[in-house]
Amino acid sequence: MKRVAFHTLGCKVNQVETEQIKDELIQKGYQVVDFSQPADLYIINTCAVTHVSDRKSRAVIRRALRTNPEATVVVTGCLAELEPEKLASMKGVNLVVGNRDKHRIAEIIDSQDELLTNGGLIREPISSQDPLEPVYYHLHHERTRAFVKIQDGCQSFCTYCIVPYTRGPERSKDPDLVVKEFKQLIAMGYREIVLTGIHTGQYGKAMPGWTLDRLVKKILEEVGGEYRIRLSSIELREISDQLIELMRNEPRLCRHLHIPLQSGSDKVLKRMGRRYNREEYRRRVLETAELVPYIGLAADVMVGFQGETEEDFAATIQLLQDLPLLDLHVFKYSPRPGTPAASFPDQVDERVKNERSSILLDLAEQKHQAFLKKMIGKKLTVLVESCQAAMCTGLSDNYIEVEFSSIYNLCGQFAETIVNDISQNRAVAILKP
């Protein structure tokens, strides 16, 4: 039996696409092994969102070749889309596949395509007419949570972002295919399905009458069983009143939104090409928190964007302090060649970026702890992910890690709990009587 090892860098969409390739290769007789072990085939799904992810992607390729110099190495993902020739020229790399044809990797390998033996490159331009293919899973991968890719591509062209150049124009999966995929995963035993995409909130843009909230409503109406839906990152202006109403009234839709902020300075937001201002962000987040009690809200923030002054950074801190956030994801700006921002003047020193990042990480910890304290005495439905030594852990619908004691193995089940304490970054609970 041939062995295959995978390494995935970057976003949830990359992870979904890797799972699809993995499932197909298992069906074709491959045994999946850990990436650190010798394998006959290595598949590396790369990321290009920062220069660090670039470097990590290349390091992973070299690691595979050190582990087994005779192995077949296939490289795909966003770095393969951005720098295909450079990757194809790396000694030991057999095949580079762009994002458009990533879903064909198992088929290419199975057919023993001559590109694999001679070294090759498959990279076709991504079109808005390229359909999102249906996914058919065969195996449960021993997790409670699965992902359904409903959308791909981005046309926002924020000045700092390389993603529109690596993922192409926006495309949405046919809603009936989404429901079919969803039903399939529920039947396999998954209890939480995350709807994800590169620009998830743009779902249905090219399909008249379709929006993200309409898709969610369709799933809730057509898919029976015990499950819940979680949404991946969604832009501020794409949070419709209808979506908030669903989240408020439908217990199967998780009270959790990840809303990128990037900066609390209007000047910086304008230079970034973001389509909102700080007051609009503040108002919508506070409205959402009021309408959906104890919703878990997360924000992305970038430090060190070109021209970010101390005053700009102070404005970001002030805004974040005003918001009832559960989580804060902090990134240091990384210039990407080919983006408008890469040529902007007034680059911020790395030392300053590190200092600002450290300040926001401390604030993130404070916000998380404050949110957890608010949950003491509250009821939470937890999807149990592990049970060891009579201690179960899992995630609540509002994205809090919860632990509680139980003599039963409740893994993969929903448990009704009451929070009575916090420990580090977790809520400690008891089973509801």
Protein backbone atom coordinates (compact mmCIF):
# COMPACT_ATOMS: atom_id res chain seq x y z
CA MET A 1 0.00 0.00 0.00
CA LYS A 2 1.42 3.36 -1.01
CA ARG A 3 1.80 5.97 1.71
CA VAL A 4 0.84 9.63 1.39
CA ALA A 5 1.56 12.52 3.76
CA PHE A 6 -0.06 15.95 3.75
CA HIS A 7 0.95 19.35 5.06
CA THR A 8 -1.48 22.25 4.88
CA LEU A 9 -0.62 25.88 5.53
CA GLY A 10 -2.98 28.82 5.79
CA CYS A 11 -6.72 29.20 5.83
CA LYS A 12 -9.68 26.93 6.53
CA VAL A 13 -10.43 26.72 2.80
CA ASN A 14 -7.02 25.18 2.22
CA GLN A 15 -7.75 22.68 4.99
CA VAL A 16 -11.09 21.74 3.40
CA GLU A 17 -9.43 21.22 0.04
CA THR A 18 -6.72 19.03 1.58
CA GLU A 19 -9.38 16.85 3.25
CA GLN A 20 -11.03 16.37 -0.12
CA ILE A 21 -7.77 15.22 -1.75
CA LYS A 22 -7.01 13.00 1.25
CA ASP A 23 -10.40 11.32 1.11
CA GLU A 24 -10.07 10.63 -2.62
CA LEU A 25 -6.58 9.14 -2.28
CA ILE A 26 -7.69 6.88 0.58
CA GLN A 27 -10.43 5.60 -1.73
CA LYS A 28 -7.73 4.87 -4.30
CA GLY A 29 -5.80 2.71 -1.83
CA TYR A 30 -3.34 5.12 -0.23
CA GLN A 31 -2.45 4.98 3.45
CA VAL A 32 -2.18 8.39 5.13
CA VAL A 33 0.87 8.79 7.39
CA ASP A 34 2.17 11.67 9.47
CA PHE A 35 4.20 14.22 7.53
CA SER A 36 7.27 13.43 9.63
CA GLN A 37 7.28 9.82 8.41
CA PRO A 38 8.68 8.44 5.15
CA ALA A 39 6.02 8.43 2.43
CA ASP A 40 5.82 7.64 -1.26
CA LEU A 41 3.87 10.80 -1.95
CA TYR A 42 3.92 14.21 -0.25
CA ILE A 43 1.24 16.79 -0.97
CA ILE A 44 1.92 20.30 0.30
CA ASN A 45 -0.92 22.83 0.20
CA THR A 46 0.80 26.20 0.48
CA CYS A 47 -0.13 29.70 1.64
CA ALA A 48 1.10 33.07 0.41
CA VAL A 49 -0.71 35.55 2.61
CA THR A 50 2.52 36.73 4.33
CA HIS A 51 6.25 36.42 3.69
CA VAL A 52 6.38 34.10 6.71
CA SER A 53 3.90 31.70 5.10
CA ASP A 54 6.02 31.85 1.92
CA ARG A 55 9.08 30.83 3.89
CA LYS A 56 7.25 28.10 5.80
CA SER A 57 5.89 26.64 2.56
CA ARG A 58 9.36 26.29 1.06
CA ALA A 59 10.73 24.87 4.32
CA VAL A 60 8.02 22.19 4.34
CA ILE A 61 8.89 21.17 0.77
CA ARG A 62 12.56 20.78 1.73
CA ARG A 63 11.59 18.79 4.83
CA ALA A 64 9.63 16.30 2.72
CA LEU A 65 12.59 15.82 0.40
CA ARG A 66 14.93 15.23 3.35
CA THR A 67 12.59 12.60 4.78
CA ASN A 68 12.41 10.68 1.49
CA PRO A 69 14.46 12.03 -1.43
CA GLU A 70 12.86 9.44 -3.73
CA ALA A 71 9.28 10.47 -2.98
CA THR A 72 6.90 12.14 -5.39
CA VAL A 73 6.31 15.72 -4.23
CA VAL A 74 3.23 17.66 -5.33
CA VAL A 75 2.89 21.35 -4.41
CA THR A 76 -0.38 23.24 -4.64
CA GLY A 77 -2.14 26.19 -3.00
CA CYS A 78 -1.68 29.94 -3.15
CA LEU A 79 2.11 30.00 -3.40
CA ALA A 80 1.80 27.57 -6.31
CA GLU A 81 -0.57 30.07 -7.90
CA LEU A 82 1.71 33.03 -7.21
CA GLU A 83 5.15 31.58 -8.01
CA PRO A 84 4.58 28.37 -10.00
CA GLU A 85 7.81 28.44 -12.01
CA LYS A 86 9.98 29.02 -8.94
CA LEU A 87 8.42 26.08 -7.13
CA ALA A 88 8.58 23.84 -10.20
CA SER A 89 12.30 24.56 -10.49
CA MET A 90 13.00 23.37 -6.92
CA LYS A 91 15.00 20.16 -7.04
CA GLY A 92 12.81 17.19 -6.14
CA VAL A 93 9.44 18.85 -6.81
CA ASN A 94 7.56 16.66 -9.28
CA LEU A 95 4.42 18.65 -9.90
CA VAL A 96 3.03 22.11 -9.16
CA VAL A 97 -0.75 22.51 -9.37
CA GLY A 98 -2.56 25.86 -9.25
CA ASN A 99 -5.72 26.45 -7.27
CA ARG A 100 -8.02 25.99 -10.27
CA ASP A 101 -7.00 22.33 -10.69
CA LYS A 102 -6.32 21.46 -7.06
CA HIS A 103 -9.45 19.32 -6.89
CA ARG A 104 -8.00 17.11 -9.69
CA ILE A 105 -4.82 16.15 -7.84
CA ALA A 106 -6.02 12.66 -6.83
CA GLU A 107 -7.15 12.00 -10.40
CA ILE A 108 -3.80 13.18 -11.83
CA ILE A 109 -1.84 10.98 -9.41
CA ASP A 110 -4.06 7.96 -10.02
CA SER A 111 -3.69 8.25 -13.79
CA GLN A 112 0.12 8.29 -13.46
CA ASP A 113 0.17 11.42 -15.58
CA GLU A 114 3.52 11.84 -17.35
CA LEU A 115 3.82 15.22 -15.68
CA LEU A 116 4.56 13.36 -12.44
CA THR A 117 7.59 11.61 -13.86
CA ASN A 118 8.92 14.38 -16.06
CA GLY A 119 8.23 17.24 -13.71
CA GLY A 120 5.45 19.59 -14.58
CA LEU A 121 3.24 22.55 -13.96
CA ILE A 122 -0.53 22.78 -14.14
CA ARG A 123 -1.76 26.33 -13.70
CA GLU A 124 -4.71 27.70 -15.64
CA PRO A 125 -6.26 31.15 -15.14
CA ILE A 126 -9.16 31.13 -12.69
CA SER A 127 -12.44 32.28 -14.24
CA SER A 128 -15.64 33.52 -12.65
CA GLN A 129 -17.33 30.76 -14.68
CA ASP A 130 -15.35 27.95 -13.05
CA PRO A 131 -17.90 25.98 -11.01
CA LEU A 132 -17.26 24.90 -7.44
CA GLU A 133 -17.31 21.13 -7.78
CA PRO A 134 -19.40 18.96 -5.44
CA VAL A 135 -17.48 17.08 -2.77
CA TYR A 136 -18.27 13.47 -1.88
CA TYR A 137 -16.77 12.28 1.39
CA HIS A 138 -16.47 8.60 2.25
CA LEU A 139 -14.70 8.58 5.60
CA HIS A 140 -15.26 10.16 9.00
CA HIS A 141 -11.95 11.66 10.11
CA GLU A 142 -12.58 11.25 13.85
CA ARG A 143 -13.57 14.83 14.49
CA THR A 144 -16.84 16.42 15.57
CA ARG A 145 -16.56 19.37 13.19
CA ALA A 146 -16.50 19.45 9.39
CA PHE A 147 -16.24 22.25 6.85
CA VAL A 148 -18.24 22.94 3.71
CA LYS A 149 -16.65 25.27 1.19
CA ILE A 150 -19.51 27.35 -0.19
CA GLN A 151 -17.53 30.10 -1.92
CA ASP A 152 -14.13 30.85 -3.44
CA GLY A 153 -12.35 33.94 -4.71
CA CYS A 154 -12.29 37.61 -3.72
CA GLN A 155 -12.68 40.85 -5.64
CA SER A 156 -12.23 43.33 -2.80
CA PHE A 157 -8.58 44.09 -3.64
CA CYS A 158 -7.60 45.55 -0.28
CA THR A 159 -4.30 47.28 -0.93
CA TYR A 160 -2.26 44.93 1.29
CA CYS A 161 -3.79 41.60 0.21
CA ILE A 162 -2.48 39.07 -2.29
CA VAL A 163 -5.51 36.77 -2.05
CA PRO A 164 -7.51 38.18 -5.03
CA TYR A 165 -4.49 37.39 -7.20
CA THR A 166 -4.17 33.80 -5.97
CA ARG A 167 -7.82 32.80 -5.58
CA GLY A 168 -9.37 34.58 -8.56
CA PRO A 169 -12.84 36.09 -8.93
CA GLU A 170 -15.74 35.25 -6.63
CA ARG A 171 -17.67 32.03 -7.27
CA SER A 172 -20.38 30.36 -5.20
CA LYS A 173 -21.38 26.71 -4.90
CA ASP A 174 -24.86 25.78 -6.07
CA PRO A 175 -27.15 25.86 -3.00
CA ASP A 176 -28.54 22.38 -3.72
CA LEU A 177 -25.00 21.00 -3.78
CA VAL A 178 -24.29 22.71 -0.45
CA VAL A 179 -27.36 21.05 1.09
CA LYS A 180 -26.38 17.66 -0.37
CA GLU A 181 -22.86 17.96 1.04
CA PHE A 182 -24.25 19.09 4.38
CA LYS A 183 -26.63 16.10 4.61
CA GLN A 184 -23.78 13.76 3.73
CA LEU A 185 -21.63 15.05 6.58
CA ILE A 186 -24.48 14.90 9.10
CA ALA A 187 -25.15 11.28 8.07
CA MET A 188 -21.46 10.52 8.70
CA GLY A 189 -21.80 11.68 12.29
CA TYR A 190 -20.52 15.26 12.23
CA ARG A 191 -22.47 17.53 14.56
CA GLU A 192 -21.05 20.92 13.64
CA ILE A 193 -20.63 22.13 10.08
CA VAL A 194 -18.69 25.32 9.34
CA LEU A 195 -19.66 27.20 6.19
CA THR A 196 -16.46 28.64 4.83
CA GLY A 197 -15.03 30.45 1.84
CA ILE A 198 -12.39 32.97 0.84
CA HIS A 199 -15.01 35.74 1.02
CA THR A 200 -17.89 33.89 2.67
CA GLY A 201 -20.21 36.88 2.97
CA GLN A 202 -20.23 37.28 -0.82
CA TYR A 203 -22.00 33.96 -1.23
CA GLY A 204 -24.55 34.11 -4.05
CA LYS A 205 -23.26 37.36 -5.54
CA ALA A 206 -23.47 35.98 -9.09
CA MET A 207 -26.62 33.90 -8.42
CA PRO A 208 -29.74 36.11 -8.56
CA GLY A 209 -31.70 36.02 -5.34
CA TRP A 210 -29.12 34.12 -3.30
CA THR A 211 -27.38 35.44 -0.20
CA LEU A 212 -25.60 33.86 2.74
CA ASP A 213 -28.60 34.25 5.03
CA ARG A 214 -30.90 32.64 2.43
CA LEU A 215 -28.48 29.69 2.15
CA VAL A 216 -28.41 29.26 5.94
CA LYS A 217 -32.20 29.35 6.04
CA LYS A 218 -32.40 26.74 3.26
CA ILE A 219 -30.08 24.39 5.17
CA LEU A 220 -32.06 24.80 8.39
CA GLU A 221 -35.32 24.07 6.56
CA GLU A 222 -34.11 21.10 4.51
CA VAL A 223 -31.63 19.31 6.77
CA GLY A 224 -33.01 17.46 9.75
CA GLY A 225 -31.17 16.01 12.70
CA GLU A 226 -29.14 17.24 15.63
CA TYR A 227 -26.46 19.63 14.42
CA ARG A 228 -25.36 23.24 14.40
CA ILE A 229 -24.02 25.61 11.76
CA ARG A 230 -21.04 27.89 12.31
CA LEU A 231 -19.99 30.68 9.97
CA SER A 232 -16.38 31.45 9.14
CA SER A 233 -15.03 35.00 8.87
CA ILE A 234 -17.50 37.51 7.44
CA GLU A 235 -17.05 41.17 6.54
CA LEU A 236 -18.90 43.87 8.48
CA ARG A 237 -21.21 45.04 5.69
CA GLU A 238 -22.17 41.46 4.85
CA ILE A 239 -23.80 40.86 8.24
CA SER A 240 -27.42 41.34 7.23
CA ASP A 241 -30.31 42.00 9.58
CA GLN A 242 -31.80 38.70 8.40
CA LEU A 243 -28.64 36.84 9.42
CA ILE A 244 -28.68 38.42 12.88
CA GLU A 245 -32.37 37.53 13.25
CA LEU A 246 -31.60 33.90 12.38
CA MET A 247 -28.75 33.84 14.88
CA ARG A 248 -30.98 35.34 17.53
CA ASN A 249 -33.85 32.87 17.12
CA GLU A 250 -32.38 29.65 15.70
CA PRO A 251 -30.37 27.57 18.23
CA ARG A 252 -28.82 25.54 15.39
CA LEU A 253 -26.98 28.64 14.14
CA CYS A 254 -23.98 29.35 16.38
CA ARG A 255 -23.83 32.69 18.19
CA HIS A 256 -20.38 33.41 16.80
CA LEU A 257 -19.09 35.93 14.27
CA HIS A 258 -15.52 36.61 13.18
CA ILE A 259 -15.52 40.16 11.78
CA PRO A 260 -12.22 41.53 10.40
CA LEU A 261 -11.40 45.03 11.66
CA GLN A 262 -7.74 45.52 10.62
CA SER A 263 -7.47 49.02 12.13
CA GLY A 264 -9.37 51.43 14.35
CA SER A 265 -8.01 54.44 12.47
CA ASP A 266 -10.11 55.84 9.63
CA LYS A 267 -6.97 57.09 7.91
CA VAL A 268 -5.39 53.64 7.93
CA LEU A 269 -8.63 51.94 6.88
CA LYS A 270 -8.82 54.23 3.86
CA ARG A 271 -5.23 53.45 2.86
CA MET A 272 -5.99 49.75 3.23
CA GLY A 273 -8.96 50.04 0.88
CA ARG A 274 -11.40 48.83 3.53
CA ARG A 275 -15.04 49.77 2.94
CA TYR A 276 -16.14 51.00 6.37
CA ASN A 277 -15.02 53.42 9.06
CA ARG A 278 -14.40 52.92 12.77
CA GLU A 279 -17.78 54.30 13.83
CA GLU A 280 -19.64 52.01 11.44
CA TYR A 281 -17.72 49.02 12.80
CA ARG A 282 -18.31 50.03 16.42
CA ARG A 283 -22.03 50.62 15.90
CA ARG A 284 -22.68 47.32 14.09
CA VAL A 285 -20.72 45.24 16.60
CA LEU A 286 -22.51 46.82 19.56
CA GLU A 287 -25.90 46.35 17.86
CA THR A 288 -25.12 42.70 17.21
CA ALA A 289 -24.00 42.11 20.79
CA GLU A 290 -27.22 43.67 22.06
CA LEU A 291 -29.48 41.69 19.73
CA VAL A 292 -27.73 38.33 20.28
CA PRO A 293 -26.89 37.99 24.00
CA TYR A 294 -23.45 36.53 24.77
CA ILE A 295 -22.52 36.18 21.12
CA GLY A 296 -18.84 35.33 20.69
CA LEU A 297 -17.35 38.10 18.56
CA ALA A 298 -13.83 37.95 17.16
CA ALA A 299 -11.84 40.54 15.21
CA ASP A 300 -8.69 40.53 13.07
CA VAL A 301 -6.35 43.46 13.61
CA MET A 302 -3.23 44.31 11.62
CA VAL A 303 -0.42 46.33 13.18
CA GLY A 304 2.33 48.20 11.39
CA PHE A 305 0.57 49.01 8.13
CA GLN A 306 2.40 51.70 6.16
CA GLY A 307 2.10 55.09 7.77
CA GLU A 308 0.46 53.80 10.97
CA THR A 309 1.34 56.42 13.58
CA GLU A 310 1.15 56.26 17.36
CA GLU A 311 -2.14 58.17 17.09
CA ASP A 312 -3.52 55.60 14.64
CA PHE A 313 -2.51 52.75 16.92
CA ALA A 314 -4.02 54.52 19.94
CA ALA A 315 -7.30 54.84 18.01
CA THR A 316 -7.25 51.09 17.39
CA ILE A 317 -6.70 50.35 21.09
CA GLN A 318 -9.49 52.72 22.11
CA LEU A 319 -11.97 51.11 19.71
CA LEU A 320 -11.07 47.58 20.81
CA GLN A 321 -11.47 48.51 24.46
CA ASP A 322 -15.03 49.66 23.72
CA LEU A 323 -16.08 46.40 22.05
CA PRO A 324 -17.40 43.24 23.78
CA LEU A 325 -15.00 40.88 22.02
CA LEU A 326 -14.28 37.26 22.89
CA ASP A 327 -11.20 36.91 20.68
CA LEU A 328 -8.73 39.18 18.97
CA HIS A 329 -6.43 37.88 16.23
CA VAL A 330 -3.34 40.05 15.78
CA PHE A 331 -1.18 40.15 12.64
CA LYS A 332 1.89 42.15 11.73
CA TYR A 333 1.72 43.75 8.30
CA SER A 334 3.83 41.94 5.72
CA PRO A 335 4.40 43.66 2.34
CA ARG A 336 3.37 41.40 -0.55
CA PRO A 337 5.04 42.09 -3.90
CA GLY A 338 2.41 42.86 -6.51
CA THR A 339 0.00 44.58 -4.14
CA PRO A 340 -0.45 48.39 -4.17
CA ALA A 341 0.60 48.73 -0.52
CA ALA A 342 3.99 47.17 -1.20
CA SER A 343 5.05 50.43 -2.87
CA PHE A 344 3.54 52.78 -0.28
CA PRO A 345 5.99 55.05 1.58
CA ASP A 346 6.43 55.24 5.36
CA GLN A 347 7.06 51.58 6.15
CA VAL A 348 6.84 50.85 9.87
CA ASP A 349 9.93 49.47 11.60
CA GLU A 350 9.78 45.78 12.60
CA ARG A 351 10.61 46.66 16.20
CA VAL A 352 7.56 48.93 16.35
CA LYS A 353 5.39 46.22 14.79
CA ASN A 354 6.55 43.77 17.46
CA GLU A 355 5.82 46.24 20.26
CA ARG A 356 2.34 46.99 18.97
CA SER A 357 1.61 43.32 18.42
CA SER A 358 2.62 42.54 22.00
CA ILE A 359 0.34 45.27 23.35
CA LEU A 360 -2.65 43.95 21.41
CA LEU A 361 -1.96 40.34 22.40
CA ASP A 362 -2.08 41.43 26.04
CA LEU A 363 -5.35 43.23 25.35
CA ALA A 364 -6.70 40.11 23.62
CA GLU A 365 -6.02 38.07 26.76
CA GLN A 366 -7.78 40.67 28.91
CA LYS A 367 -10.82 40.70 26.61
CA HIS A 368 -11.01 36.91 26.59
CA GLN A 369 -10.86 36.67 30.37
CA ALA A 370 -13.49 39.39 30.78
CA PHE A 371 -15.84 37.57 28.42
CA LEU A 372 -15.36 34.27 30.24
CA LYS A 373 -16.20 35.91 33.58
CA LYS A 374 -19.49 37.15 32.10
CA MET A 375 -20.41 33.55 31.33
CA ILE A 376 -20.27 32.33 34.95
CA GLY A 377 -23.72 31.10 35.91
CA LYS A 378 -24.85 30.88 32.26
CA LYS A 379 -26.06 27.78 30.42
CA LEU A 380 -23.98 26.62 27.46
CA THR A 381 -24.59 23.82 24.98
CA VAL A 382 -21.23 22.16 24.41
CA LEU A 383 -20.26 19.90 21.53
CA VAL A 384 -17.93 17.46 23.27
CA GLU A 385 -14.65 16.87 21.41
CA SER A 386 -12.70 14.73 23.87
CA CYS A 387 -13.20 12.79 27.11
CA GLN A 388 -10.23 11.58 29.14
CA ALA A 389 -9.95 10.57 32.79
CA ALA A 390 -13.59 11.53 33.43
CA MET A 391 -12.98 15.06 32.08
CA CYS A 392 -14.74 16.19 28.91
CA THR A 393 -13.84 19.23 26.80
CA GLY A 394 -15.58 20.86 23.88
CA LEU A 395 -16.78 24.09 22.31
CA SER A 396 -19.90 26.06 23.07
CA ASP A 397 -21.91 27.60 20.27
CA ASN A 398 -20.36 31.01 21.08
CA TYR A 399 -16.87 29.53 20.67
CA ILE A 400 -15.80 29.10 24.27
CA GLU A 401 -13.71 26.10 25.24
CA VAL A 402 -15.53 24.37 28.09
CA GLU A 403 -14.45 21.55 30.38
CA PHE A 404 -16.61 19.52 32.76
CA SER A 405 -16.41 16.21 34.57
CA SER A 406 -18.47 13.21 33.51
CA ILE A 407 -18.26 9.46 34.10
CA TYR A 408 -19.66 8.97 30.60
CA ASN A 409 -17.86 9.26 27.28
CA LEU A 410 -19.88 12.01 25.63
CA CYS A 411 -17.49 12.60 22.71
CA GLY A 412 -19.38 13.72 19.61
CA GLN A 413 -22.52 14.57 21.58
CA PHE A 414 -24.10 17.81 22.72
CA ALA A 415 -24.05 18.40 26.48
CA GLU A 416 -26.06 20.98 28.42
CA THR A 417 -23.80 22.67 30.98
CA ILE A 418 -23.75 25.52 33.48
CA VAL A 419 -20.53 27.53 33.82
CA ASN A 420 -19.35 27.88 37.42
CA ASP A 421 -15.69 28.94 37.09
CA ILE A 422 -12.89 29.78 34.68
CA SER A 423 -9.46 28.20 34.42
CA GLN A 424 -6.85 29.88 32.23
CA ASN A 425 -8.59 30.32 28.85
CA ARG A 426 -11.39 27.84 29.49
CA ALA A 427 -14.77 27.89 31.14
CA VAL A 428 -15.26 25.25 33.83
CA ALA A 429 -18.79 23.88 33.98
CA ILE A 430 -21.03 21.23 35.44
CA LEU A 431 -23.55 19.12 33.58
CA LYS A 432 -26.99 20.62 33.78
CA PRO A 433 -29.13 18.44 36.11
